[in-house]
mmCIF file of all heavy atoms, coordinates in Angstrom:
data_MODEL
# 
_entry.id   MODEL 
# 
loop_
_atom_site.group_PDB 
_atom_site.id 
_atom_site.type_symbol 
_atom_site.label_atom_id 
_atom_site.label_alt_id 
_atom_site.label_comp_id 
_atom_site.label_asym_id 
_atom_site.label_entity_id 
_atom_site.label_seq_id 
_atom_site.pdbx_PDB_ins_code 
_atom_site.Cartn_x 
_atom_site.Cartn_y 
_atom_site.Cartn_z 
_atom_site.occupancy 
_atom_site.B_iso_or_equiv 
_atom_site.pdbx_formal_charge 
_atom_site.auth_seq_id 
_atom_site.auth_comp_id 
_atom_site.auth_asym_id 
_atom_site.auth_atom_id 
_atom_site.pdbx_PDB_model_num 
ATOM 1   N N   . GLY A 1 1  ? -78.064 -58.643 107.791 1.00 0.00 ? 1  GLY A N   1 
ATOM 2   C CA  . GLY A 1 1  ? -78.668 -57.349 107.504 1.00 0.00 ? 1  GLY A CA  1 
ATOM 3   C C   . GLY A 1 1  ? -77.669 -56.371 106.914 1.00 0.00 ? 1  GLY A C   1 
ATOM 4   O O   . GLY A 1 1  ? -76.629 -56.747 106.389 1.00 0.00 ? 1  GLY A O   1 
ATOM 5   N N   . ALA A 1 2  ? -77.974 -55.098 107.047 1.00 0.00 ? 2  ALA A N   1 
ATOM 6   C CA  . ALA A 1 2  ? -77.196 -54.053 106.385 1.00 0.00 ? 2  ALA A CA  1 
ATOM 7   C C   . ALA A 1 2  ? -76.040 -53.506 107.217 1.00 0.00 ? 2  ALA A C   1 
ATOM 8   O O   . ALA A 1 2  ? -75.334 -52.618 106.769 1.00 0.00 ? 2  ALA A O   1 
ATOM 9   C CB  . ALA A 1 2  ? -78.137 -52.907 106.006 1.00 0.00 ? 2  ALA A CB  1 
ATOM 10  N N   . ARG A 1 3  ? -75.843 -54.021 108.404 1.00 0.00 ? 3  ARG A N   1 
ATOM 11  C CA  . ARG A 1 3  ? -74.774 -53.526 109.264 1.00 0.00 ? 3  ARG A CA  1 
ATOM 12  C C   . ARG A 1 3  ? -73.400 -53.887 108.675 1.00 0.00 ? 3  ARG A C   1 
ATOM 13  O O   . ARG A 1 3  ? -73.197 -55.018 108.232 1.00 0.00 ? 3  ARG A O   1 
ATOM 14  C CB  . ARG A 1 3  ? -74.932 -54.140 110.648 1.00 0.00 ? 3  ARG A CB  1 
ATOM 15  C CG  . ARG A 1 3  ? -74.096 -53.493 111.683 1.00 0.00 ? 3  ARG A CG  1 
ATOM 16  C CD  . ARG A 1 3  ? -74.517 -53.965 113.058 1.00 0.00 ? 3  ARG A CD  1 
ATOM 17  N NE  . ARG A 1 3  ? -73.550 -53.465 114.002 1.00 0.00 ? 3  ARG A NE  1 
ATOM 18  C CZ  . ARG A 1 3  ? -73.524 -53.784 115.262 1.00 0.00 ? 3  ARG A CZ  1 
ATOM 19  N NH1 . ARG A 1 3  ? -74.430 -54.591 115.747 1.00 0.00 ? 3  ARG A NH1 1 
ATOM 20  N NH2 . ARG A 1 3  ? -72.622 -53.299 116.056 1.00 0.00 ? 3  ARG A NH2 1 
ATOM 21  N N   . PRO A 1 4  ? -72.435 -52.953 108.681 1.00 0.00 ? 4  PRO A N   1 
ATOM 22  C CA  . PRO A 1 4  ? -71.126 -53.251 108.091 1.00 0.00 ? 4  PRO A CA  1 
ATOM 23  C C   . PRO A 1 4  ? -70.325 -54.266 108.913 1.00 0.00 ? 4  PRO A C   1 
ATOM 24  O O   . PRO A 1 4  ? -70.483 -54.377 110.129 1.00 0.00 ? 4  PRO A O   1 
ATOM 25  C CB  . PRO A 1 4  ? -70.417 -51.898 108.075 1.00 0.00 ? 4  PRO A CB  1 
ATOM 26  C CG  . PRO A 1 4  ? -71.121 -51.068 109.078 1.00 0.00 ? 4  PRO A CG  1 
ATOM 27  C CD  . PRO A 1 4  ? -72.528 -51.586 109.169 1.00 0.00 ? 4  PRO A CD  1 
ATOM 28  N N   . SER A 1 5  ? -69.458 -55.016 108.232 1.00 0.00 ? 5  SER A N   1 
ATOM 29  C CA  . SER A 1 5  ? -68.579 -55.986 108.892 1.00 0.00 ? 5  SER A CA  1 
ATOM 30  C C   . SER A 1 5  ? -67.550 -55.268 109.742 1.00 0.00 ? 5  SER A C   1 
ATOM 31  O O   . SER A 1 5  ? -67.202 -54.119 109.485 1.00 0.00 ? 5  SER A O   1 
ATOM 32  C CB  . SER A 1 5  ? -67.852 -56.821 107.838 1.00 0.00 ? 5  SER A CB  1 
ATOM 33  O OG  . SER A 1 5  ? -68.772 -57.526 107.059 1.00 0.00 ? 5  SER A OG  1 
ATOM 34  N N   . VAL A 1 6  ? -67.051 -55.963 110.780 1.00 0.00 ? 6  VAL A N   1 
ATOM 35  C CA  . VAL A 1 6  ? -66.061 -55.381 111.684 1.00 0.00 ? 6  VAL A CA  1 
ATOM 36  C C   . VAL A 1 6  ? -64.773 -56.202 111.584 1.00 0.00 ? 6  VAL A C   1 
ATOM 37  O O   . VAL A 1 6  ? -64.787 -57.408 111.841 1.00 0.00 ? 6  VAL A O   1 
ATOM 38  C CB  . VAL A 1 6  ? -66.572 -55.394 113.143 1.00 0.00 ? 6  VAL A CB  1 
ATOM 39  C CG1 . VAL A 1 6  ? -65.517 -54.875 114.097 1.00 0.00 ? 6  VAL A CG1 1 
ATOM 40  C CG2 . VAL A 1 6  ? -67.853 -54.586 113.267 1.00 0.00 ? 6  VAL A CG2 1 
ATOM 41  N N   . PRO A 1 7  ? -63.649 -55.559 111.228 1.00 0.00 ? 7  PRO A N   1 
ATOM 42  C CA  . PRO A 1 7  ? -62.380 -56.288 111.194 1.00 0.00 ? 7  PRO A CA  1 
ATOM 43  C C   . PRO A 1 7  ? -61.883 -56.583 112.609 1.00 0.00 ? 7  PRO A C   1 
ATOM 44  O O   . PRO A 1 7  ? -62.022 -55.763 113.510 1.00 0.00 ? 7  PRO A O   1 
ATOM 45  C CB  . PRO A 1 7  ? -61.427 -55.336 110.466 1.00 0.00 ? 7  PRO A CB  1 
ATOM 46  C CG  . PRO A 1 7  ? -62.078 -54.004 110.477 1.00 0.00 ? 7  PRO A CG  1 
ATOM 47  C CD  . PRO A 1 7  ? -63.532 -54.194 110.767 1.00 0.00 ? 7  PRO A CD  1 
ATOM 48  N N   . CYS A 1 8  ? -61.310 -57.779 112.809 1.00 0.00 ? 8  CYS A N   1 
ATOM 49  C CA  . CYS A 1 8  ? -60.825 -58.202 114.121 1.00 0.00 ? 8  CYS A CA  1 
ATOM 50  C C   . CYS A 1 8  ? -59.474 -58.903 113.971 1.00 0.00 ? 8  CYS A C   1 
ATOM 51  O O   . CYS A 1 8  ? -59.134 -59.389 112.901 1.00 0.00 ? 8  CYS A O   1 
ATOM 52  C CB  . CYS A 1 8  ? -61.823 -59.168 114.753 1.00 0.00 ? 8  CYS A CB  1 
ATOM 53  S SG  . CYS A 1 8  ? -63.471 -58.478 114.973 1.00 0.00 ? 8  CYS A SG  1 
ATOM 54  N N   . LYS A 1 9  ? -58.742 -58.984 115.087 1.00 0.00 ? 9  LYS A N   1 
ATOM 55  C CA  . LYS A 1 9  ? -57.439 -59.640 115.070 1.00 0.00 ? 9  LYS A CA  1 
ATOM 56  C C   . LYS A 1 9  ? -57.504 -61.107 115.472 1.00 0.00 ? 9  LYS A C   1 
ATOM 57  O O   . LYS A 1 9  ? -56.515 -61.812 115.386 1.00 0.00 ? 9  LYS A O   1 
ATOM 58  C CB  . LYS A 1 9  ? -56.471 -58.894 115.970 1.00 0.00 ? 9  LYS A CB  1 
ATOM 59  C CG  . LYS A 1 9  ? -56.146 -57.526 115.433 1.00 0.00 ? 9  LYS A CG  1 
ATOM 60  C CD  . LYS A 1 9  ? -55.035 -56.851 116.181 1.00 0.00 ? 9  LYS A CD  1 
ATOM 61  C CE  . LYS A 1 9  ? -54.801 -55.509 115.529 1.00 0.00 ? 9  LYS A CE  1 
ATOM 62  N NZ  . LYS A 1 9  ? -53.581 -54.891 115.900 1.00 0.00 ? 9  LYS A NZ  1 
ATOM 63  N N   . SER A 1 10 ? -58.682 -61.574 115.928 1.00 0.00 ? 10 SER A N   1 
ATOM 64  C CA  . SER A 1 10 ? -58.817 -62.981 116.287 1.00 0.00 ? 10 SER A CA  1 
ATOM 65  C C   . SER A 1 10 ? -60.265 -63.425 116.070 1.00 0.00 ? 10 SER A C   1 
ATOM 66  O O   . SER A 1 10 ? -61.196 -62.611 116.066 1.00 0.00 ? 10 SER A O   1 
ATOM 67  C CB  . SER A 1 10 ? -58.432 -63.217 117.756 1.00 0.00 ? 10 SER A CB  1 
ATOM 68  O OG  . SER A 1 10 ? -59.389 -62.643 118.618 1.00 0.00 ? 10 SER A OG  1 
ATOM 69  N N   . ALA A 1 11 ? -60.423 -64.733 115.891 1.00 0.00 ? 11 ALA A N   1 
ATOM 70  C CA  . ALA A 1 11 ? -61.763 -65.300 115.756 1.00 0.00 ? 11 ALA A CA  1 
ATOM 71  C C   . ALA A 1 11 ? -62.548 -65.093 117.047 1.00 0.00 ? 11 ALA A C   1 
ATOM 72  O O   . ALA A 1 11 ? -63.747 -64.814 117.025 1.00 0.00 ? 11 ALA A O   1 
ATOM 73  C CB  . ALA A 1 11 ? -61.661 -66.785 115.415 1.00 0.00 ? 11 ALA A CB  1 
ATOM 74  N N   . LYS A 1 12 ? -61.870 -65.207 118.182 1.00 0.00 ? 12 LYS A N   1 
ATOM 75  C CA  . LYS A 1 12 ? -62.524 -65.031 119.478 1.00 0.00 ? 12 LYS A CA  1 
ATOM 76  C C   . LYS A 1 12 ? -63.096 -63.619 119.617 1.00 0.00 ? 12 LYS A C   1 
ATOM 77  O O   . LYS A 1 12 ? -64.230 -63.437 120.059 1.00 0.00 ? 12 LYS A O   1 
ATOM 78  C CB  . LYS A 1 12 ? -61.530 -65.315 120.603 1.00 0.00 ? 12 LYS A CB  1 
ATOM 79  C CG  . LYS A 1 12 ? -62.137 -65.239 121.967 1.00 0.00 ? 12 LYS A CG  1 
ATOM 80  C CD  . LYS A 1 12 ? -61.148 -65.631 123.038 1.00 0.00 ? 12 LYS A CD  1 
ATOM 81  C CE  . LYS A 1 12 ? -61.814 -65.606 124.408 1.00 0.00 ? 12 LYS A CE  1 
ATOM 82  N NZ  . LYS A 1 12 ? -60.935 -66.090 125.458 1.00 0.00 ? 12 LYS A NZ  1 
ATOM 83  N N   . GLN A 1 13 ? -62.329 -62.617 119.225 1.00 0.00 ? 13 GLN A N   1 
ATOM 84  C CA  . GLN A 1 13 ? -62.789 -61.230 119.293 1.00 0.00 ? 13 GLN A CA  1 
ATOM 85  C C   . GLN A 1 13 ? -63.987 -61.019 118.364 1.00 0.00 ? 13 GLN A C   1 
ATOM 86  O O   . GLN A 1 13 ? -64.967 -60.371 118.746 1.00 0.00 ? 13 GLN A O   1 
ATOM 87  C CB  . GLN A 1 13 ? -61.650 -60.279 118.917 1.00 0.00 ? 13 GLN A CB  1 
ATOM 88  C CG  . GLN A 1 13 ? -62.054 -58.820 118.952 1.00 0.00 ? 13 GLN A CG  1 
ATOM 89  C CD  . GLN A 1 13 ? -60.975 -57.898 118.381 1.00 0.00 ? 13 GLN A CD  1 
ATOM 90  O OE1 . GLN A 1 13 ? -60.163 -58.309 117.561 1.00 0.00 ? 13 GLN A OE1 1 
ATOM 91  N NE2 . GLN A 1 13 ? -60.985 -56.664 118.831 1.00 0.00 ? 13 GLN A NE2 1 
ATOM 92  N N   . ALA A 1 14 ? -63.931 -61.571 117.161 1.00 0.00 ? 14 ALA A N   1 
ATOM 93  C CA  . ALA A 1 14 ? -65.027 -61.421 116.204 1.00 0.00 ? 14 ALA A CA  1 
ATOM 94  C C   . ALA A 1 14 ? -66.312 -62.057 116.735 1.00 0.00 ? 14 ALA A C   1 
ATOM 95  O O   . ALA A 1 14 ? -67.395 -61.468 116.642 1.00 0.00 ? 14 ALA A O   1 
ATOM 96  C CB  . ALA A 1 14 ? -64.635 -62.035 114.862 1.00 0.00 ? 14 ALA A CB  1 
ATOM 97  N N   . CYS A 1 15 ? -66.196 -63.243 117.319 1.00 0.00 ? 15 CYS A N   1 
ATOM 98  C CA  . CYS A 1 15 ? -67.377 -63.923 117.862 1.00 0.00 ? 15 CYS A CA  1 
ATOM 99  C C   . CYS A 1 15 ? -67.964 -63.162 119.048 1.00 0.00 ? 15 CYS A C   1 
ATOM 100 O O   . CYS A 1 15 ? -69.179 -63.105 119.218 1.00 0.00 ? 15 CYS A O   1 
ATOM 101 C CB  . CYS A 1 15 ? -67.020 -65.354 118.258 1.00 0.00 ? 15 CYS A CB  1 
ATOM 102 S SG  . CYS A 1 15 ? -66.792 -66.442 116.840 1.00 0.00 ? 15 CYS A SG  1 
ATOM 103 N N   . GLU A 1 16 ? -67.108 -62.566 119.865 1.00 0.00 ? 16 GLU A N   1 
ATOM 104 C CA  . GLU A 1 16 ? -67.600 -61.777 120.995 1.00 0.00 ? 16 GLU A CA  1 
ATOM 105 C C   . GLU A 1 16 ? -68.368 -60.552 120.507 1.00 0.00 ? 16 GLU A C   1 
ATOM 106 O O   . GLU A 1 16 ? -69.427 -60.214 121.047 1.00 0.00 ? 16 GLU A O   1 
ATOM 107 C CB  . GLU A 1 16 ? -66.432 -61.352 121.885 1.00 0.00 ? 16 GLU A CB  1 
ATOM 108 C CG  . GLU A 1 16 ? -66.883 -60.594 123.117 1.00 0.00 ? 16 GLU A CG  1 
ATOM 109 C CD  . GLU A 1 16 ? -65.738 -60.268 124.071 1.00 0.00 ? 16 GLU A CD  1 
ATOM 110 O OE1 . GLU A 1 16 ? -64.561 -60.343 123.651 1.00 0.00 ? 16 GLU A OE1 1 
ATOM 111 O OE2 . GLU A 1 16 ? -66.030 -59.951 125.226 1.00 0.00 ? 16 GLU A OE2 1 
ATOM 112 N N   . ILE A 1 17 ? -67.876 -59.894 119.474 1.00 0.00 ? 17 ILE A N   1 
ATOM 113 C CA  . ILE A 1 17 ? -68.569 -58.739 118.900 1.00 0.00 ? 17 ILE A CA  1 
ATOM 114 C C   . ILE A 1 17 ? -69.941 -59.148 118.378 1.00 0.00 ? 17 ILE A C   1 
ATOM 115 O O   . ILE A 1 17 ? -70.941 -58.465 118.614 1.00 0.00 ? 17 ILE A O   1 
ATOM 116 C CB  . ILE A 1 17 ? -67.713 -58.089 117.797 1.00 0.00 ? 17 ILE A CB  1 
ATOM 117 C CG1 . ILE A 1 17 ? -66.525 -57.365 118.436 1.00 0.00 ? 17 ILE A CG1 1 
ATOM 118 C CG2 . ILE A 1 17 ? -68.528 -57.142 116.930 1.00 0.00 ? 17 ILE A CG2 1 
ATOM 119 C CD1 . ILE A 1 17 ? -65.464 -56.911 117.460 1.00 0.00 ? 17 ILE A CD1 1 
ATOM 120 N N   . LEU A 1 18 ? -70.010 -60.285 117.684 1.00 0.00 ? 18 LEU A N   1 
ATOM 121 C CA  . LEU A 1 18 ? -71.296 -60.778 117.177 1.00 0.00 ? 18 LEU A CA  1 
ATOM 122 C C   . LEU A 1 18 ? -72.262 -61.096 118.322 1.00 0.00 ? 18 LEU A C   1 
ATOM 123 O O   . LEU A 1 18 ? -73.441 -60.756 118.264 1.00 0.00 ? 18 LEU A O   1 
ATOM 124 C CB  . LEU A 1 18 ? -71.087 -62.018 116.306 1.00 0.00 ? 18 LEU A CB  1 
ATOM 125 C CG  . LEU A 1 18 ? -70.428 -61.779 114.953 1.00 0.00 ? 18 LEU A CG  1 
ATOM 126 C CD1 . LEU A 1 18 ? -70.052 -63.109 114.306 1.00 0.00 ? 18 LEU A CD1 1 
ATOM 127 C CD2 . LEU A 1 18 ? -71.337 -60.977 114.041 1.00 0.00 ? 18 LEU A CD2 1 
ATOM 128 N N   . ALA A 1 19 ? -71.765 -61.741 119.376 1.00 0.00 ? 19 ALA A N   1 
ATOM 129 C CA  . ALA A 1 19 ? -72.618 -62.109 120.512 1.00 0.00 ? 19 ALA A CA  1 
ATOM 130 C C   . ALA A 1 19 ? -73.130 -60.874 121.252 1.00 0.00 ? 19 ALA A C   1 
ATOM 131 O O   . ALA A 1 19 ? -74.308 -60.808 121.618 1.00 0.00 ? 19 ALA A O   1 
ATOM 132 C CB  . ALA A 1 19 ? -71.859 -63.024 121.466 1.00 0.00 ? 19 ALA A CB  1 
ATOM 133 N N   . LYS A 1 20 ? -72.254 -59.891 121.470 1.00 0.00 ? 20 LYS A N   1 
ATOM 134 C CA  . LYS A 1 20 ? -72.686 -58.666 122.163 1.00 0.00 ? 20 LYS A CA  1 
ATOM 135 C C   . LYS A 1 20 ? -73.737 -57.913 121.365 1.00 0.00 ? 20 LYS A C   1 
ATOM 136 O O   . LYS A 1 20 ? -74.663 -57.330 121.933 1.00 0.00 ? 20 LYS A O   1 
ATOM 137 C CB  . LYS A 1 20 ? -71.478 -57.769 122.444 1.00 0.00 ? 20 LYS A CB  1 
ATOM 138 C CG  . LYS A 1 20 ? -70.631 -58.274 123.594 1.00 0.00 ? 20 LYS A CG  1 
ATOM 139 C CD  . LYS A 1 20 ? -69.470 -57.352 123.875 1.00 0.00 ? 20 LYS A CD  1 
ATOM 140 C CE  . LYS A 1 20 ? -68.701 -57.817 125.105 1.00 0.00 ? 20 LYS A CE  1 
ATOM 141 N NZ  . LYS A 1 20 ? -67.536 -56.969 125.390 1.00 0.00 ? 20 LYS A NZ  1 
ATOM 142 N N   . ALA A 1 21 ? -73.614 -57.918 120.054 1.00 0.00 ? 21 ALA A N   1 
ATOM 143 C CA  . ALA A 1 21 ? -74.624 -57.264 119.216 1.00 0.00 ? 21 ALA A CA  1 
ATOM 144 C C   . ALA A 1 21 ? -75.929 -58.061 119.227 1.00 0.00 ? 21 ALA A C   1 
ATOM 145 O O   . ALA A 1 21 ? -77.014 -57.483 119.250 1.00 0.00 ? 21 ALA A O   1 
ATOM 146 C CB  . ALA A 1 21 ? -74.098 -57.116 117.791 1.00 0.00 ? 21 ALA A CB  1 
ATOM 147 N N   . ALA A 1 22 ? -75.822 -59.384 119.234 1.00 0.00 ? 22 ALA A N   1 
ATOM 148 C CA  . ALA A 1 22 ? -77.017 -60.233 119.184 1.00 0.00 ? 22 ALA A CA  1 
ATOM 149 C C   . ALA A 1 22 ? -77.904 -60.065 120.410 1.00 0.00 ? 22 ALA A C   1 
ATOM 150 O O   . ALA A 1 22 ? -79.125 -60.061 120.288 1.00 0.00 ? 22 ALA A O   1 
ATOM 151 C CB  . ALA A 1 22 ? -76.609 -61.699 119.020 1.00 0.00 ? 22 ALA A CB  1 
ATOM 152 N N   . VAL A 1 23 ? -77.312 -59.941 121.599 1.00 0.00 ? 23 VAL A N   1 
ATOM 153 C CA  . VAL A 1 23 ? -78.143 -59.837 122.806 1.00 0.00 ? 23 VAL A CA  1 
ATOM 154 C C   . VAL A 1 23 ? -78.937 -58.538 122.848 1.00 0.00 ? 23 VAL A C   1 
ATOM 155 O O   . VAL A 1 23 ? -79.879 -58.421 123.620 1.00 0.00 ? 23 VAL A O   1 
ATOM 156 C CB  . VAL A 1 23 ? -77.325 -59.998 124.116 1.00 0.00 ? 23 VAL A CB  1 
ATOM 157 C CG1 . VAL A 1 23 ? -76.667 -61.358 124.174 1.00 0.00 ? 23 VAL A CG1 1 
ATOM 158 C CG2 . VAL A 1 23 ? -76.318 -58.898 124.306 1.00 0.00 ? 23 VAL A CG2 1 
ATOM 159 N N   . LYS A 1 24 ? -78.595 -57.585 121.992 1.00 0.00 ? 24 LYS A N   1 
ATOM 160 C CA  . LYS A 1 24 ? -79.327 -56.311 121.923 1.00 0.00 ? 24 LYS A CA  1 
ATOM 161 C C   . LYS A 1 24 ? -80.430 -56.331 120.871 1.00 0.00 ? 24 LYS A C   1 
ATOM 162 O O   . LYS A 1 24 ? -81.219 -55.393 120.795 1.00 0.00 ? 24 LYS A O   1 
ATOM 163 C CB  . LYS A 1 24 ? -78.352 -55.173 121.607 1.00 0.00 ? 24 LYS A CB  1 
ATOM 164 C CG  . LYS A 1 24 ? -77.329 -54.953 122.698 1.00 0.00 ? 24 LYS A CG  1 
ATOM 165 C CD  . LYS A 1 24 ? -76.336 -53.892 122.295 1.00 0.00 ? 24 LYS A CD  1 
ATOM 166 C CE  . LYS A 1 24 ? -75.219 -53.787 123.325 1.00 0.00 ? 24 LYS A CE  1 
ATOM 167 N NZ  . LYS A 1 24 ? -74.156 -52.886 122.895 1.00 0.00 ? 24 LYS A NZ  1 
# 
């Protein structure tokens, strides 16, 4: 969708951000 990308320092952090957004 139209939500902007989020820069992260690790793949693990990026995946956690995606998962937390998905459950909402």
